[in-house]
Protein backbone atom coordinates (compact mmCIF):
# COMPACT_ATOMS: atom_id res chain seq x y z
CA MET A 1 103.12 7.89 -206.43
CA ASN A 2 103.52 4.30 -205.20
CA GLN A 3 102.31 2.64 -208.40
CA LEU A 4 101.90 -1.12 -208.04
CA ALA A 5 103.39 -1.86 -211.48
CA LEU A 6 101.08 -4.80 -212.16
CA ASN A 7 100.61 -6.00 -215.74
CA LYS A 8 96.91 -5.21 -215.94
CA PRO A 9 94.82 -2.08 -216.52
CA LYS A 10 94.31 -0.38 -213.16
CA ASN A 11 90.53 -0.46 -213.37
CA LYS A 12 90.71 -4.23 -213.85
CA THR A 13 93.26 -4.75 -211.07
CA ARG A 14 91.69 -5.77 -207.77
CA VAL A 15 93.60 -4.78 -204.63
CA VAL A 16 92.71 -5.79 -201.07
CA VAL A 17 93.85 -3.35 -198.38
CA ALA A 18 94.30 -4.62 -194.83
CA MET A 19 92.67 -1.85 -192.79
CA SER A 20 93.24 -1.66 -189.04
CA GLY A 21 91.30 1.57 -188.59
CA GLY A 22 94.41 3.71 -188.10
CA VAL A 23 95.75 6.56 -190.19
CA ASP A 24 98.41 4.44 -191.93
CA SER A 25 96.14 1.81 -193.47
CA SER A 26 93.53 4.50 -194.20
CA VAL A 27 96.03 6.48 -196.28
CA ALA A 28 97.27 3.30 -197.98
CA ALA A 29 93.70 2.57 -199.09
CA ALA A 30 93.13 6.16 -200.22
CA LEU A 31 96.33 6.20 -202.30
CA ILE A 32 95.49 2.91 -204.02
CA HIS A 33 91.93 4.04 -204.72
CA GLU A 34 93.16 7.40 -206.05
CA GLN A 35 95.44 5.63 -208.51
CA GLY A 36 92.44 3.94 -210.07
CA TYR A 37 92.70 0.40 -208.77
CA GLU A 38 89.61 -1.59 -207.78
CA THR A 39 90.05 -1.31 -204.02
CA ILE A 40 88.52 -3.45 -201.28
CA GLY A 41 89.06 -2.77 -197.57
CA ILE A 42 89.17 -5.66 -195.13
CA THR A 43 89.33 -5.32 -191.35
CA LEU A 44 89.94 -8.16 -188.93
CA GLN A 45 88.08 -8.45 -185.63
CA LEU A 46 90.70 -10.13 -183.51
CA TYR A 47 89.23 -10.22 -180.02
CA ASP A 48 85.99 -9.60 -178.14
CA HIS A 49 84.28 -6.59 -179.70
CA GLY A 50 82.73 -5.31 -176.45
CA ALA A 51 85.95 -5.57 -174.46
CA ALA A 52 87.92 -4.06 -177.32
CA ILE A 53 85.87 -0.85 -177.28
CA GLU A 54 87.15 -0.09 -173.78
CA LYS A 55 90.81 -0.33 -174.81
CA LYS A 56 92.02 2.91 -176.37
CA ASN A 57 94.62 3.20 -179.14
CA ALA A 58 94.72 -0.53 -179.82
CA CYS A 59 95.02 -2.18 -183.20
CA CYS A 60 91.80 -3.80 -184.41
CA ALA A 61 89.77 -2.66 -181.40
CA GLY A 62 86.05 -1.93 -181.60
CA GLN A 63 86.39 1.75 -182.47
CA ASP A 64 89.06 0.92 -185.03
CA ILE A 65 86.64 -1.32 -186.91
CA GLU A 66 84.12 1.52 -187.03
CA ASP A 67 86.82 3.97 -188.16
CA ALA A 68 87.88 1.66 -190.99
CA ARG A 69 84.25 1.30 -192.09
CA ARG A 70 83.74 5.06 -192.17
CA VAL A 71 86.96 5.64 -194.14
CA CYS A 72 85.82 3.13 -196.74
CA GLU A 73 82.46 4.92 -196.92
CA GLU A 74 84.27 8.22 -197.48
CA LEU A 75 86.36 6.67 -200.26
CA GLY A 76 83.40 4.86 -201.78
CA ILE A 77 84.98 1.41 -201.63
CA PRO A 78 83.62 -1.90 -200.28
CA HIS A 79 84.53 -2.83 -196.71
CA TYR A 80 84.34 -6.23 -195.06
CA VAL A 81 84.92 -7.27 -191.44
CA LEU A 82 86.21 -10.79 -190.85
CA ASN A 83 85.81 -12.38 -187.43
CA TYR A 84 89.20 -13.92 -186.68
CA GLU A 85 88.82 -14.07 -182.89
CA SER A 86 89.29 -17.83 -182.61
CA LEU A 87 92.19 -17.90 -185.07
CA PHE A 88 93.90 -14.97 -183.36
CA LYS A 89 93.51 -16.57 -179.94
CA ASN A 90 94.94 -19.88 -181.13
CA SER A 91 97.76 -18.50 -183.30
CA VAL A 92 98.86 -15.43 -181.34
CA MET A 93 97.45 -15.10 -177.82
CA GLU A 94 98.02 -18.68 -176.69
CA ASP A 95 101.49 -18.73 -178.24
CA PHE A 96 102.18 -15.51 -176.31
CA ALA A 97 101.17 -17.15 -173.02
CA ASP A 98 103.09 -20.37 -173.68
CA SER A 99 106.19 -18.41 -174.61
CA TYR A 100 106.22 -16.61 -171.25
CA ILE A 101 105.74 -19.94 -169.46
CA ARG A 102 108.81 -21.22 -171.34
CA GLY A 103 110.81 -18.33 -169.89
CA GLU A 104 110.85 -16.41 -173.19
CA THR A 105 109.99 -12.84 -174.16
CA PRO A 106 107.57 -13.13 -177.11
CA ILE A 107 106.76 -10.68 -179.90
CA PRO A 108 103.07 -11.26 -180.69
CA CYS A 109 103.01 -8.58 -183.41
CA VAL A 110 105.42 -10.69 -185.49
CA LYS A 111 103.31 -13.80 -184.92
CA CYS A 112 100.19 -11.88 -185.95
CA ASN A 113 101.82 -10.73 -189.19
CA GLN A 114 103.24 -14.20 -189.78
CA THR A 115 99.96 -16.06 -189.30
CA VAL A 116 96.71 -14.10 -189.18
CA LYS A 117 97.63 -11.29 -191.57
CA PHE A 118 100.18 -12.56 -194.07
CA ARG A 119 98.99 -16.17 -194.14
CA ASP A 120 95.24 -16.21 -193.53
CA LEU A 121 94.19 -12.75 -194.69
CA LEU A 122 96.39 -13.08 -197.74
CA LYS A 123 94.57 -16.32 -198.59
CA VAL A 124 91.25 -14.46 -198.32
CA ALA A 125 92.57 -11.83 -200.71
CA LYS A 126 93.47 -14.49 -203.24
CA ASP A 127 90.07 -16.15 -202.77
CA LEU A 128 88.57 -12.78 -203.74
CA ASP A 129 90.61 -12.95 -206.98
CA ALA A 130 92.71 -10.00 -205.84
CA ASP A 131 95.86 -9.23 -207.78
CA ALA A 132 97.66 -7.77 -204.76
CA MET A 133 97.31 -7.02 -201.07
CA VAL A 134 98.35 -3.67 -199.60
CA THR A 135 99.17 -2.79 -195.99
CA GLY A 136 100.13 0.41 -194.21
CA HIS A 137 103.47 -0.88 -192.91
CA TYR A 138 106.54 1.34 -193.14
CA VAL A 139 108.68 -1.01 -195.21
CA GLN A 140 109.69 -1.01 -198.86
CA LYS A 141 109.49 -3.67 -201.53
CA ILE A 142 112.16 -3.17 -204.17
CA GLU A 143 112.42 -5.24 -207.36
CA ASN A 144 115.96 -6.29 -208.29
CA ASN A 145 116.40 -8.50 -211.38
CA ASN A 146 112.71 -9.45 -211.10
CA ILE A 147 113.21 -10.59 -207.51
CA ALA A 148 111.24 -8.82 -204.78
CA GLN A 149 113.38 -7.64 -201.88
CA LEU A 150 112.19 -6.41 -198.50
CA HIS A 151 113.84 -3.17 -197.35
CA LYS A 152 113.59 -0.91 -194.33
CA GLY A 153 111.15 1.96 -194.44
CA LEU A 154 112.73 5.20 -195.62
CA ASP A 155 111.94 6.84 -192.27
CA ASP A 156 114.15 5.04 -189.73
CA SER A 157 112.01 6.26 -186.83
CA LYS A 158 108.96 4.42 -188.24
CA ASP A 159 110.66 1.43 -189.92
CA GLN A 160 108.73 -1.82 -189.25
CA SER A 161 110.96 -4.26 -191.11
CA TYR A 162 111.93 -6.10 -187.90
CA PHE A 163 108.30 -7.10 -187.42
CA LEU A 164 107.98 -8.40 -190.98
CA PHE A 165 111.12 -10.56 -191.14
CA ALA A 166 109.01 -13.74 -191.38
CA THR A 167 107.38 -12.61 -194.65
CA THR A 168 108.12 -15.30 -197.23
CA ALA A 169 109.28 -14.66 -200.79
CA GLU A 170 105.91 -15.90 -202.11
CA GLN A 171 104.00 -13.54 -199.82
CA LEU A 172 106.28 -10.64 -200.69
CA ASN A 173 105.47 -11.05 -204.38
CA PHE A 174 101.79 -10.45 -203.60
CA LEU A 175 102.24 -7.64 -201.06
CA HIS A 176 102.73 -3.91 -201.56
CA PHE A 177 103.59 -1.16 -199.06
CA PRO A 178 102.72 2.30 -200.41
CA LEU A 179 103.87 4.11 -197.25
CA GLY A 180 107.39 2.66 -197.22
CA GLY A 181 108.94 5.72 -198.81
CA MET A 182 107.08 8.20 -196.62
CA SER A 183 107.45 9.66 -193.14
CA LYS A 184 104.65 9.66 -190.58
CA GLU A 185 104.33 13.39 -191.07
CA GLN A 186 103.82 12.91 -194.81
CA THR A 187 101.23 10.22 -194.11
CA ARG A 188 99.23 12.55 -191.89
CA LYS A 189 99.43 15.29 -194.53
CA GLU A 190 98.08 12.84 -197.09
CA ALA A 191 95.27 11.92 -194.69
CA GLU A 192 94.42 15.62 -194.41
CA ARG A 193 94.52 15.97 -198.19
CA PHE A 194 92.03 13.14 -198.53
CA GLY A 195 89.93 14.55 -195.69
CA LEU A 196 90.11 11.31 -193.73
CA GLN A 197 88.67 11.29 -190.22
CA THR A 198 91.70 9.30 -189.05
CA ALA A 199 94.16 12.08 -189.94
CA ASP A 200 94.79 13.02 -186.30
CA LYS A 201 94.16 9.62 -184.76
CA ALA A 202 96.67 8.53 -182.11
CA GLU A 203 98.93 5.57 -182.83
CA SER A 204 98.37 2.14 -181.37
CA GLN A 205 100.05 1.60 -178.02
CA ASP A 206 101.47 -1.62 -176.59
CA ILE A 207 100.09 -5.03 -177.54
CA CYS A 208 96.47 -4.94 -178.67
CA PHE A 209 95.18 -7.63 -176.30
CA VAL A 210 97.23 -6.60 -173.24
CA PRO A 211 95.41 -3.94 -171.17
CA ASN A 212 97.73 -1.39 -169.54
CA GLY A 213 100.81 -3.42 -170.43
CA ASN A 214 99.99 -6.03 -167.76
CA TYR A 215 101.38 -9.12 -169.50
CA SER A 216 101.26 -11.43 -166.49
CA SER A 217 97.51 -10.94 -166.01
CA VAL A 218 96.87 -11.99 -169.60
CA VAL A 219 99.11 -15.05 -169.26
CA GLU A 220 97.40 -16.07 -166.03
CA LYS A 221 93.98 -15.69 -167.63
CA LEU A 222 94.95 -17.83 -170.61
CA ARG A 223 96.95 -20.33 -168.55
CA PRO A 224 95.47 -20.58 -165.02
CA GLY A 225 98.13 -21.72 -162.55
CA ALA A 226 100.98 -20.15 -164.50
CA MET A 227 101.88 -17.97 -161.48
CA GLU A 228 103.82 -20.75 -159.76
CA LYS A 229 106.21 -19.69 -157.03
CA GLY A 230 109.93 -20.33 -157.34
CA ASN A 231 113.34 -19.05 -156.29
CA ILE A 232 115.44 -16.09 -157.33
CA VAL A 233 118.94 -17.52 -157.43
CA HIS A 234 122.27 -15.70 -157.74
CA VAL A 235 124.63 -16.94 -160.45
CA ASP A 236 126.94 -18.07 -157.63
CA GLY A 237 124.22 -20.45 -156.40
CA ARG A 238 122.80 -18.49 -153.46
CA VAL A 239 119.02 -18.54 -153.12
CA LEU A 240 118.13 -14.89 -152.50
CA LYS A 241 114.32 -14.96 -152.18
CA THR A 242 111.17 -16.46 -153.66
CA HIS A 243 109.11 -15.08 -156.54
CA ASP A 244 105.45 -15.41 -157.55
CA GLY A 245 105.99 -16.63 -161.11
CA ILE A 246 108.63 -16.58 -163.87
CA ILE A 247 106.14 -14.88 -166.19
CA LYS A 248 106.80 -11.64 -164.30
CA TYR A 249 110.46 -11.53 -165.36
CA THR A 250 112.42 -10.88 -168.54
CA ILE A 251 116.11 -11.09 -169.40
CA GLY A 252 117.94 -7.86 -168.54
CA GLN A 253 115.33 -6.77 -166.00
CA ARG A 254 116.67 -4.78 -163.07
CA ARG A 255 113.65 -3.06 -161.57
CA GLY A 256 111.18 -4.92 -159.40
CA LEU A 257 113.60 -7.55 -158.09
CA ASP A 258 113.50 -6.06 -154.56
CA ILE A 259 116.70 -7.77 -153.49
CA GLY A 260 118.60 -6.05 -150.69
CA GLY A 261 122.29 -6.13 -149.97
CA GLY A 262 123.39 -3.24 -152.13
CA GLU A 263 124.52 -5.31 -155.14
CA ILE A 264 123.04 -4.21 -158.47
CA LEU A 265 121.56 -7.34 -160.03
CA TYR A 266 119.86 -8.18 -163.32
CA VAL A 267 117.84 -11.15 -164.56
CA VAL A 268 120.36 -13.16 -166.61
CA ASN A 269 118.44 -16.40 -167.11
CA ILE A 270 115.00 -17.92 -166.56
CA ASN A 271 114.78 -21.68 -166.05
CA PRO A 272 111.23 -23.00 -166.66
CA GLN A 273 112.26 -26.54 -165.64
CA THR A 274 113.25 -25.53 -162.11
CA ASN A 275 111.11 -22.39 -162.04
CA ASP A 276 114.19 -20.39 -161.02
CA VAL A 277 114.96 -16.80 -161.96
CA ILE A 278 118.74 -16.42 -162.17
CA VAL A 279 120.22 -13.02 -161.34
CA GLY A 280 123.73 -11.64 -161.53
CA PRO A 281 125.87 -8.58 -162.18
CA GLU A 282 125.62 -6.68 -165.45
CA GLU A 283 128.65 -8.44 -166.97
CA ALA A 284 126.76 -11.76 -166.71
CA LEU A 285 124.29 -10.46 -169.31
CA TYR A 286 126.89 -10.32 -172.08
CA LYS A 287 127.14 -13.11 -174.64
CA LYS A 288 129.15 -13.54 -177.80
CA SER A 289 127.05 -16.16 -179.62
CA PHE A 290 123.56 -17.64 -179.71
CA LEU A 291 121.35 -19.85 -181.88
CA ILE A 292 118.28 -19.01 -183.92
CA LYS A 293 115.64 -21.38 -185.26
CA ASP A 294 112.88 -21.33 -187.91
CA LEU A 295 114.96 -19.18 -190.23
CA ASN A 296 113.07 -17.30 -192.95
CA TRP A 297 115.67 -16.31 -195.55
CA LEU A 298 115.10 -13.94 -198.46
CA ALA A 299 118.59 -13.88 -199.96
CA ASP A 300 121.29 -16.24 -201.25
CA PRO A 301 121.98 -19.24 -198.99
CA ILE A 302 124.27 -18.69 -196.00
CA PRO A 303 127.67 -20.28 -196.80
CA ASN A 304 129.23 -22.80 -194.42
CA GLU A 305 132.12 -20.41 -193.75
CA GLY A 306 129.63 -17.83 -192.51
CA LEU A 307 128.06 -14.60 -193.71
CA LYS A 308 129.19 -11.22 -192.39
CA THR A 309 126.17 -9.06 -191.80
CA HIS A 310 124.43 -6.73 -189.36
CA VAL A 311 121.63 -7.94 -187.11
CA ARG A 312 119.00 -6.43 -184.89
CA ILE A 313 117.99 -8.46 -181.81
CA ARG A 314 115.16 -6.20 -180.61
CA SER A 315 112.74 -4.00 -182.49
CA SER A 316 114.27 -0.72 -181.35
CA GLY A 317 117.82 -1.99 -181.09
CA ASP A 318 120.95 -0.92 -182.91
CA MET A 319 122.39 -2.65 -185.95
CA LEU A 320 125.10 -4.98 -184.61
CA GLY A 321 127.99 -6.46 -186.56
CA ALA A 322 127.74 -10.26 -186.63
CA THR A 323 128.41 -13.41 -188.62
CA LEU A 324 125.78 -16.07 -189.39
CA TYR A 325 126.76 -19.75 -189.69
CA PRO A 326 124.76 -22.91 -190.49
CA HIS A 327 124.72 -24.91 -187.24
CA ASP A 328 122.55 -27.99 -187.70
CA ALA A 329 119.38 -29.03 -189.52
CA ARG A 330 117.19 -26.61 -187.52
CA HIS A 331 119.49 -23.90 -186.23
CA TYR A 332 121.86 -21.17 -187.31
CA LYS A 333 124.57 -19.68 -185.12
CA VAL A 334 124.99 -15.92 -184.71
CA THR A 335 128.33 -14.62 -183.47
CA PHE A 336 128.69 -10.93 -182.62
CA ASP A 337 131.76 -8.90 -183.48
CA GLU A 338 131.58 -7.67 -179.88
CA PRO A 339 129.67 -9.29 -176.97
CA GLN A 340 126.15 -7.92 -176.47
CA LYS A 341 123.92 -7.94 -173.43
CA ALA A 342 120.38 -9.08 -172.64
CA ILE A 343 119.88 -11.51 -175.52
CA SER A 344 116.36 -12.82 -174.90
CA SER A 345 114.98 -16.10 -176.17
CA GLY A 346 111.65 -15.65 -177.90
CA GLN A 347 112.81 -12.43 -179.55
CA ALA A 348 113.73 -12.24 -183.23
CA CYS A 349 117.17 -11.83 -184.75
CA VAL A 350 116.88 -10.08 -188.11
CA ALA A 351 119.79 -9.77 -190.55
CA TYR A 352 120.30 -6.80 -192.87
CA ASP A 353 122.49 -5.80 -195.78
CA LYS A 354 122.29 -2.01 -195.41
CA SER A 355 118.55 -1.36 -195.85
CA ARG A 356 117.70 -4.82 -197.19
CA VAL A 357 116.18 -7.47 -194.93
CA LEU A 358 118.05 -10.70 -195.61
CA GLY A 359 115.92 -12.74 -193.24
CA GLY A 360 115.79 -13.79 -189.63
CA GLY A 361 114.82 -16.34 -187.03
CA TRP A 362 113.81 -16.80 -183.40
CA ILE A 363 116.39 -16.68 -180.63
CA THR A 364 116.51 -19.98 -178.73
CA ARG A 365 117.27 -20.69 -175.06
CA ASP A 366 120.64 -22.36 -175.70
CA HIS A 367 122.67 -19.18 -175.28
CA GLN A 368 121.34 -18.73 -171.75
CA GLU A 369 122.85 -21.99 -170.61
CA ARG A 370 126.32 -21.57 -172.08
CA ASP A 371 128.48 -19.67 -174.52
CA LEU A 372 128.41 -21.49 -177.83
């Protein structure tokens, strides 16, 4: 099951497993070890160890590090903990705060995979002379004509391909995902078969460094003064009330606006230059086109006449018919077959060909100002 298909004897093939302390990465390590590969577990300490212990069900928290260590002891494999607190703060947490200040809705889990895990940890694996790195993500790597393709996990309910869209072709060649063809239920059964203490462990909830889902408190701590007052303005120009900070609002938000008058209103735009939160009726949320930047593409180049595809614009969103076009040196244009609502800058747009991830990029603010 889940053979790595590397051109070396298994007992001479060194594999680093990224271990978060949860059941998924624990089973990934157990499967690789069972197959006879030289297996090394590595866990990242991403934020203050003492504070992390108090946060339950969080990736790379204090208890998770201890759980990963004990799993490696049970398997009889080496385990190392790397202190990446400073790197994580600079690459992920501060970017998260700055993104909210820019009026965006960030996805720190993608940034973490893009930087700390698949850039920096992967470099550590290569420095250890590893032949491959394994993670517990629910995605599949499929070889086609000697080219590695990234595909959705077999279990749609657990698929994590949206969060890994920024994985480069070079990284993909080095990575392996032994759980991609399994369901969560199968993973837990495997954990029970191996007798792992993490077999019944609860899944991570929310963002690891955000206690109780309170994003604004984290932003304010990282960027004192970010809670600057401003106006909530109707799309027709009327100033309706003041607010305590744009970091408390996201595109498509309806609850918490506390605007009287009986009209149902949604956040349709956030302007960091004027510090205004723009609200309007539901139909104002719909857009036909938008731009993405920093495209990571894993397929043939996008032709000038456009590429018909399906895209996902939020991690739990539907597959939406769309066409991708080259726009300028830094951007690509995405045009939906049918207008869609609540397109949020800072989120990712990921393109698929059935189960295959073609690539993706970050949604920019341009669509909020005008229809392209």
